[in-house]
Amino acid sequence: MHIDFEQVSDDYYFQDYSNNLAGSLINQLSQQLQLTYNTSHWQYSALVQRYQSLHAFNQAVVSGIYERLPSLSAVGSYSNLPYNLFLKVLTQLDLFAWHGLNSTNIVQGARYHAAPTISMDIDDSAYFIKPEFTLHSTYYDLTHYNGQNKTLSIAVPITSLDLGLFFERDLRHNWRQTLEPRLYYLYVPYMKQFDIPIFDSGLFFPSFSQLFRNNRFVGVDRVGDANQLSWSLTSRFIDDQSGAERLRLSLGSYYKFQAQRVYGCQNFVGIMCNDDLNRIGYVSPEAGLAPLQFLGELKLSNSMTIFSNLDYILSSRKVTSAMMNFHYEPEQNHII
């Protein structure tokens, strides 16, 4: 069981009592209860989630957030199947309710989702090959959809092939260096989705890890079309005496063979909508080479690590985003 409940007495609570700017700008408080039950192959979960929205007059208007009343899910996984097959099944039921302003004009309802995935793991100390197929299917039973009740459904096949090689060499002073090239091909056919409501979906912020995801959207309301090839090159420096990885450097990108047509927007009157060009992390949907992703991780000691990620557009020679984190863990399970 997990309980996360926050509530304040008035909309100006954090402005009155917070001692820093970030705290004074908090405007959404989570209130949720989650129950989880595990078996050898399945994990069952039940979630009730809502938010308290703070509407201070001296701040920008705060949009409401859908409540899940409830969200039920079952995730099953089966490994060690014949021919190195791996089966994963995700099923989920969400009841989305809106209790904020204009509740009679905001689309609400039930979403039923199922996503069976079958993959094959072929690996060795020097390489790996992983073909994978997922059928992403979702059914909606909606109210207040453009003033009426509406049912919608979509089923999108997702096919990918992940390939990688491992090379290593010994260096002086008990150090070892690896070289790890990787290719990831992803094909997802285009399916019209702008008439499907967005309850909890959004675009991932561009990063190195996103290169090898099978969907550029988080959540299940959008499945990004794709015909693209991702590539990366990673090198690790390992201390042979301790076995610790002290430095990791990665470079990668992906090439789109055709323009992307699925956007993170919605329109219920049958008119195509476009993505927000001013959105942070926006990447052009046109075909061609995507921005380069640089990833670095330096382990200064057993307790201190520096992470960095940089997004660079070759055509304009422009850095669009950069991130650096310092992680300090003086003792196990104690993070500063």
Protein backbone atom coordinates (compact mmCIF):
# COMPACT_ATOMS: atom_id res chain seq x y z
CA MET A 1 0.00 0.00 0.00
CA HIS A 2 1.19 3.50 -0.85
CA ILE A 3 -0.53 6.69 0.33
CA ASP A 4 0.42 10.15 -0.89
CA PHE A 5 -1.96 12.79 0.46
CA GLU A 6 -1.37 16.53 0.48
CA GLN A 7 -3.94 19.20 1.27
CA VAL A 8 -3.79 22.84 2.36
CA SER A 9 -6.39 25.13 3.85
CA ASP A 10 -6.23 27.93 1.28
CA ASP A 11 -4.82 28.84 -2.14
CA TYR A 12 -2.09 31.08 -0.68
CA TYR A 13 -0.67 28.58 1.82
CA PHE A 14 2.70 28.08 0.08
CA GLN A 15 3.13 31.78 -0.64
CA ASP A 16 2.60 32.53 3.04
CA TYR A 17 4.75 29.79 4.55
CA SER A 18 7.33 28.72 1.96
CA ASN A 19 10.90 30.00 2.44
CA ASN A 20 11.95 29.74 -1.24
CA LEU A 21 10.63 30.69 -4.69
CA ALA A 22 10.12 27.13 -5.92
CA GLY A 23 7.98 26.25 -2.93
CA SER A 24 5.84 29.35 -3.29
CA LEU A 25 4.96 28.38 -6.88
CA ILE A 26 3.49 24.95 -6.02
CA ASN A 27 -0.06 24.79 -7.36
CA GLN A 28 -0.98 21.08 -7.65
CA LEU A 29 -1.12 18.74 -4.66
CA SER A 30 -1.36 14.99 -5.18
CA GLN A 31 -3.87 12.91 -3.25
CA GLN A 32 -3.64 9.22 -4.05
CA LEU A 33 -3.97 5.72 -2.65
CA GLN A 34 -2.38 2.73 -4.40
CA LEU A 35 -2.67 -0.97 -3.62
CA THR A 36 -0.36 -3.52 -5.28
CA TYR A 37 -0.39 -7.32 -5.26
CA ASN A 38 2.32 -9.50 -6.85
CA THR A 39 2.38 -13.11 -7.98
CA SER A 40 5.12 -15.04 -9.77
CA HIS A 41 4.06 -13.70 -13.19
CA TRP A 42 1.59 -10.86 -12.55
CA GLN A 43 1.42 -7.56 -10.76
CA TYR A 44 -2.03 -6.17 -9.96
CA SER A 45 -2.54 -2.55 -9.00
CA ALA A 46 -5.45 -0.34 -7.98
CA LEU A 47 -5.06 3.43 -7.84
CA VAL A 48 -7.34 6.27 -6.78
CA GLN A 49 -5.84 9.65 -7.65
CA ARG A 50 -6.94 13.26 -7.53
CA TYR A 51 -5.32 16.67 -7.10
CA GLN A 52 -6.00 19.83 -5.16
CA SER A 53 -5.45 22.78 -7.50
CA LEU A 54 -4.51 26.11 -5.97
CA HIS A 55 -5.90 29.17 -7.75
CA ALA A 56 -4.05 32.20 -6.43
CA PHE A 57 -5.10 35.46 -8.11
CA ASN A 58 -1.50 36.72 -8.31
CA GLN A 59 -0.35 33.69 -10.35
CA ALA A 60 -1.08 32.36 -13.82
CA VAL A 61 -4.30 30.40 -14.30
CA VAL A 62 -3.83 26.80 -13.18
CA SER A 63 -5.33 24.12 -15.41
CA GLY A 64 -7.07 21.27 -13.68
CA ILE A 65 -5.90 17.65 -13.84
CA TYR A 66 -8.04 14.61 -14.51
CA GLU A 67 -8.87 12.42 -11.54
CA ARG A 68 -8.56 8.64 -11.81
CA LEU A 69 -11.51 7.10 -10.00
CA PRO A 70 -10.11 4.44 -10.18
CA SER A 71 -7.23 3.10 -12.27
CA LEU A 72 -6.90 -0.71 -12.36
CA SER A 73 -4.00 -2.48 -14.05
CA ALA A 74 -2.53 -5.95 -14.47
CA VAL A 75 0.96 -6.52 -15.86
CA GLY A 76 2.08 -10.04 -16.71
CA SER A 77 5.51 -11.24 -17.80
CA TYR A 78 6.69 -14.68 -18.91
CA SER A 79 10.34 -15.39 -19.61
CA ASN A 80 12.25 -18.59 -20.39
CA LEU A 81 9.78 -19.50 -23.11
CA PRO A 82 10.83 -21.69 -26.06
CA TYR A 83 13.09 -20.07 -28.68
CA ASN A 84 14.21 -17.39 -26.16
CA LEU A 85 10.80 -15.73 -26.37
CA PHE A 86 9.59 -13.25 -23.78
CA LEU A 87 5.92 -12.33 -23.35
CA LYS A 88 4.63 -9.24 -21.56
CA VAL A 89 1.00 -8.23 -21.24
CA LEU A 90 -0.25 -4.87 -19.99
CA THR A 91 -3.96 -4.31 -19.34
CA GLN A 92 -5.39 -1.17 -17.79
CA LEU A 93 -8.75 0.40 -17.02
CA ASP A 94 -8.97 4.10 -16.16
CA LEU A 95 -12.05 6.10 -15.25
CA PHE A 96 -11.23 9.77 -15.81
CA ALA A 97 -13.36 12.38 -14.07
CA TRP A 98 -13.16 16.17 -14.14
CA HIS A 99 -14.44 18.07 -11.13
CA GLY A 100 -12.94 21.45 -11.91
CA LEU A 101 -14.34 24.40 -13.80
CA ASN A 102 -16.52 23.71 -16.88
CA SER A 103 -16.94 20.07 -15.88
CA THR A 104 -19.92 19.69 -18.24
CA ASN A 105 -17.79 20.81 -21.21
CA ILE A 106 -14.69 18.67 -20.55
CA VAL A 107 -14.52 15.21 -22.07
CA GLN A 108 -14.55 12.42 -19.47
CA GLY A 109 -15.08 8.69 -19.39
CA ALA A 110 -13.53 5.25 -19.37
CA ARG A 111 -10.40 4.08 -21.16
CA TYR A 112 -9.63 0.39 -21.66
CA HIS A 113 -6.09 -0.42 -22.76
CA ALA A 114 -4.28 -3.63 -23.64
CA ALA A 115 -0.74 -3.99 -25.01
CA PRO A 116 0.62 -7.53 -25.46
CA THR A 117 4.32 -7.61 -26.37
CA ILE A 118 6.35 -10.53 -27.62
CA SER A 119 10.10 -10.34 -28.07
CA MET A 120 13.07 -12.62 -28.63
CA ASP A 121 16.36 -12.21 -26.80
CA ILE A 122 19.40 -13.48 -28.69
CA ASP A 123 22.50 -12.45 -26.79
CA ASP A 124 26.11 -13.35 -26.19
CA SER A 125 29.06 -11.71 -24.52
CA ALA A 126 29.87 -9.95 -27.81
CA TYR A 127 26.44 -9.05 -29.24
CA PHE A 128 22.68 -8.96 -28.77
CA ILE A 129 19.71 -9.11 -31.14
CA LYS A 130 16.19 -8.31 -29.97
CA PRO A 131 13.19 -8.25 -32.34
CA GLU A 132 9.97 -7.09 -30.67
CA PHE A 133 6.31 -6.70 -31.59
CA THR A 134 3.61 -4.87 -29.61
CA LEU A 135 -0.06 -4.40 -30.38
CA HIS A 136 -1.16 -1.15 -28.72
CA SER A 137 -4.97 -1.21 -28.49
CA THR A 138 -7.24 1.23 -26.65
CA TYR A 139 -11.01 1.68 -26.39
CA TYR A 140 -12.78 4.81 -25.11
CA ASP A 141 -16.31 5.20 -23.75
CA LEU A 142 -16.71 8.97 -23.37
CA THR A 143 -19.15 11.61 -22.20
CA HIS A 144 -19.14 15.36 -22.93
CA TYR A 145 -17.29 14.66 -26.18
CA ASN A 146 -18.12 17.77 -28.19
CA GLY A 147 -21.46 17.84 -26.37
CA GLN A 148 -22.35 14.17 -26.80
CA ASN A 149 -21.50 10.60 -25.83
CA LYS A 150 -18.89 8.90 -27.99
CA THR A 151 -17.00 5.62 -28.32
CA LEU A 152 -13.61 5.45 -30.02
CA SER A 153 -11.06 2.71 -30.54
CA ILE A 154 -7.60 2.33 -32.01
CA ALA A 155 -5.13 -0.53 -32.53
CA VAL A 156 -1.57 0.24 -33.59
CA PRO A 157 1.12 -2.39 -34.32
CA ILE A 158 4.65 -1.49 -33.17
CA THR A 159 7.63 -3.36 -34.62
CA SER A 160 11.27 -2.89 -33.65
CA LEU A 161 14.67 -4.53 -34.03
CA ASP A 162 17.46 -3.78 -31.54
CA LEU A 163 21.07 -4.73 -32.40
CA GLY A 164 24.24 -4.21 -30.42
CA LEU A 165 27.93 -5.22 -30.32
CA PHE A 166 30.42 -5.22 -27.43
CA PHE A 167 34.16 -4.67 -27.85
CA GLU A 168 36.69 -4.19 -25.08
CA ARG A 169 40.40 -3.73 -24.62
CA ASP A 170 42.78 -3.62 -21.69
CA LEU A 171 44.47 -0.34 -20.81
CA ARG A 172 47.36 0.46 -18.52
CA HIS A 173 47.10 0.55 -14.73
CA ASN A 174 44.32 -2.06 -14.52
CA TRP A 175 41.79 -0.19 -16.63
CA ARG A 176 39.49 -1.59 -19.29
CA GLN A 177 37.65 0.28 -22.08
CA THR A 178 34.57 -0.87 -23.95
CA LEU A 179 33.17 0.21 -27.31
CA GLU A 180 29.46 -0.49 -27.82
CA PRO A 181 27.78 0.39 -31.15
CA ARG A 182 24.00 0.00 -31.25
CA LEU A 183 21.28 0.20 -33.92
CA TYR A 184 17.54 0.35 -33.29
CA TYR A 185 14.99 0.28 -36.12
CA LEU A 186 11.41 1.25 -35.30
CA TYR A 187 8.35 1.06 -37.55
CA VAL A 188 4.92 2.26 -36.45
CA PRO A 189 2.27 2.97 -39.14
CA TYR A 190 0.36 6.25 -39.05
CA MET A 191 -3.07 6.13 -37.44
CA LYS A 192 -5.33 9.18 -37.12
CA GLN A 193 -5.44 10.14 -33.45
CA PHE A 194 -6.14 13.87 -33.17
CA ASP A 195 -9.83 13.12 -32.42
CA ILE A 196 -8.85 11.01 -29.37
CA PRO A 197 -8.77 12.95 -26.08
CA ILE A 198 -5.50 13.34 -24.18
CA PHE A 199 -6.00 12.31 -20.58
CA ASP A 200 -2.43 11.66 -19.42
CA SER A 201 -0.17 11.65 -22.48
CA GLY A 202 2.62 13.97 -23.55
CA LEU A 203 5.88 13.99 -25.44
CA PHE A 204 9.06 12.78 -23.81
CA PHE A 205 11.69 15.46 -23.37
CA PRO A 206 14.53 14.75 -25.85
CA SER A 207 17.29 12.69 -24.23
CA PHE A 208 19.68 9.89 -25.02
CA SER A 209 17.41 7.21 -23.51
CA GLN A 210 14.54 8.33 -25.78
CA LEU A 211 16.47 7.08 -28.82
CA PHE A 212 15.52 3.49 -27.96
CA ARG A 213 11.89 3.86 -26.92
CA ASN A 214 9.11 2.45 -29.10
CA ASN A 215 6.88 5.48 -28.53
CA ARG A 216 7.91 9.15 -28.37
CA PHE A 217 4.83 9.81 -26.19
CA VAL A 218 4.42 8.96 -22.52
CA GLY A 219 1.01 7.54 -21.62
CA VAL A 220 -1.33 5.57 -23.88
CA ASP A 221 -3.47 8.24 -25.59
CA ARG A 222 -0.93 8.78 -28.38
CA VAL A 223 1.22 6.34 -30.36
CA GLY A 224 3.80 8.13 -32.47
CA ASP A 225 4.15 6.98 -36.07
CA ALA A 226 7.73 6.11 -36.95
CA ASN A 227 9.94 4.83 -39.71
CA GLN A 228 13.34 5.56 -38.25
CA LEU A 229 16.75 4.17 -37.43
CA SER A 230 18.45 5.12 -34.16
CA TRP A 231 22.17 4.70 -33.62
CA SER A 232 24.54 5.20 -30.74
CA LEU A 233 28.14 4.66 -29.75
CA THR A 234 29.02 4.19 -26.09
CA SER A 235 32.41 3.81 -24.41
CA ARG A 236 32.89 2.85 -20.77
CA PHE A 237 36.04 3.00 -18.66
CA ILE A 238 36.10 0.33 -15.96
CA ASP A 239 38.43 -0.09 -13.00
CA ASP A 240 39.41 -3.77 -13.12
CA GLN A 241 40.40 -3.86 -9.47
CA SER A 242 37.01 -2.81 -8.14
CA GLY A 243 34.87 -3.59 -11.19
CA ALA A 244 33.37 -0.08 -10.96
CA GLU A 245 32.44 1.90 -14.06
CA ARG A 246 34.16 5.25 -13.61
CA LEU A 247 33.32 7.00 -16.88
CA ARG A 248 30.69 6.52 -19.58
CA LEU A 249 30.44 8.58 -22.77
CA SER A 250 27.65 8.14 -25.33
CA LEU A 251 26.74 9.78 -28.63
CA GLY A 252 23.60 9.02 -30.61
CA SER A 253 20.79 10.22 -32.83
CA TYR A 254 18.14 8.85 -35.18
CA TYR A 255 17.23 9.29 -38.84
CA LYS A 256 13.59 9.66 -39.86
CA PHE A 257 12.89 8.12 -43.26
CA GLN A 258 9.56 9.90 -43.41
CA ALA A 259 7.91 12.83 -41.67
CA GLN A 260 6.05 12.23 -38.41
CA ARG A 261 2.29 12.93 -38.54
CA VAL A 262 1.05 12.22 -35.01
CA TYR A 263 1.10 15.26 -32.72
CA GLY A 264 0.45 15.85 -29.04
CA CYS A 265 -2.75 17.83 -29.61
CA GLN A 266 -6.47 17.10 -29.89
CA ASN A 267 -9.41 18.33 -31.95
CA PHE A 268 -12.89 16.86 -31.68
CA VAL A 269 -14.44 18.44 -34.80
CA GLY A 270 -12.44 16.51 -37.40
CA ILE A 271 -9.83 19.16 -38.16
CA MET A 272 -6.13 18.23 -38.15
CA CYS A 273 -4.18 19.95 -35.38
CA ASN A 274 -0.48 20.80 -35.18
CA ASP A 275 2.12 20.58 -32.43
CA ASP A 276 3.19 23.64 -30.45
CA LEU A 277 6.37 24.99 -32.08
CA ASN A 278 7.28 26.86 -28.88
CA ARG A 279 7.10 23.78 -26.67
CA ILE A 280 10.27 23.09 -24.69
CA GLY A 281 12.13 20.23 -26.33
CA TYR A 282 10.30 20.60 -29.66
CA VAL A 283 11.80 18.47 -32.45
CA SER A 284 10.83 19.02 -36.08
CA PRO A 285 8.58 16.22 -37.44
CA GLU A 286 10.16 16.48 -40.90
CA ALA A 287 12.20 13.60 -42.30
CA GLY A 288 15.96 13.67 -41.79
CA LEU A 289 18.51 13.53 -39.03
CA ALA A 290 17.31 14.34 -35.52
CA PRO A 291 19.46 16.33 -33.04
CA LEU A 292 22.54 14.63 -31.65
CA GLN A 293 22.37 13.42 -28.06
CA PHE A 294 25.47 13.48 -25.87
CA LEU A 295 25.42 11.60 -22.57
CA GLY A 296 28.14 11.58 -19.94
CA GLU A 297 28.44 9.98 -16.52
CA LEU A 298 31.50 10.46 -14.32
CA LYS A 299 31.83 8.59 -11.03
CA LEU A 300 34.18 10.70 -8.92
CA SER A 301 34.02 8.30 -5.99
CA ASN A 302 31.74 5.64 -4.56
CA SER A 303 29.47 8.39 -3.25
CA MET A 304 29.69 11.15 -5.90
CA THR A 305 28.53 11.00 -9.53
CA ILE A 306 28.03 13.66 -12.20
CA PHE A 307 25.47 13.13 -15.00
CA SER A 308 25.08 15.29 -18.11
CA ASN A 309 22.94 15.25 -21.27
CA LEU A 310 23.22 17.66 -24.20
CA ASP A 311 20.99 18.11 -27.27
CA TYR A 312 22.73 19.50 -30.37
CA ILE A 313 21.31 20.35 -33.82
CA LEU A 314 23.93 19.83 -36.52
CA SER A 315 22.24 21.88 -39.26
CA SER A 316 22.05 25.05 -37.15
CA ARG A 317 25.03 24.26 -34.88
CA LYS A 318 22.83 25.03 -31.91
CA VAL A 319 22.49 23.51 -28.45
CA THR A 320 18.76 23.26 -27.75
CA SER A 321 18.95 21.81 -24.24
CA ALA A 322 21.55 20.81 -21.68
CA MET A 323 21.30 19.17 -18.29
CA MET A 324 23.78 18.37 -15.53
CA ASN A 325 23.13 16.60 -12.23
CA PHE A 326 25.35 16.01 -9.24
CA HIS A 327 24.47 12.93 -7.17
CA TYR A 328 25.86 12.53 -3.66
CA GLU A 329 25.08 9.41 -1.64
CA PRO A 330 27.22 9.39 1.52
CA GLU A 331 25.60 6.15 2.71
CA GLN A 332 23.37 3.55 1.14
CA ASN A 333 19.79 4.83 0.81
CA HIS A 334 20.90 8.33 1.89
CA ILE A 335 20.85 10.80 -1.01
CA ILE A 336 21.63 14.52 -0.93
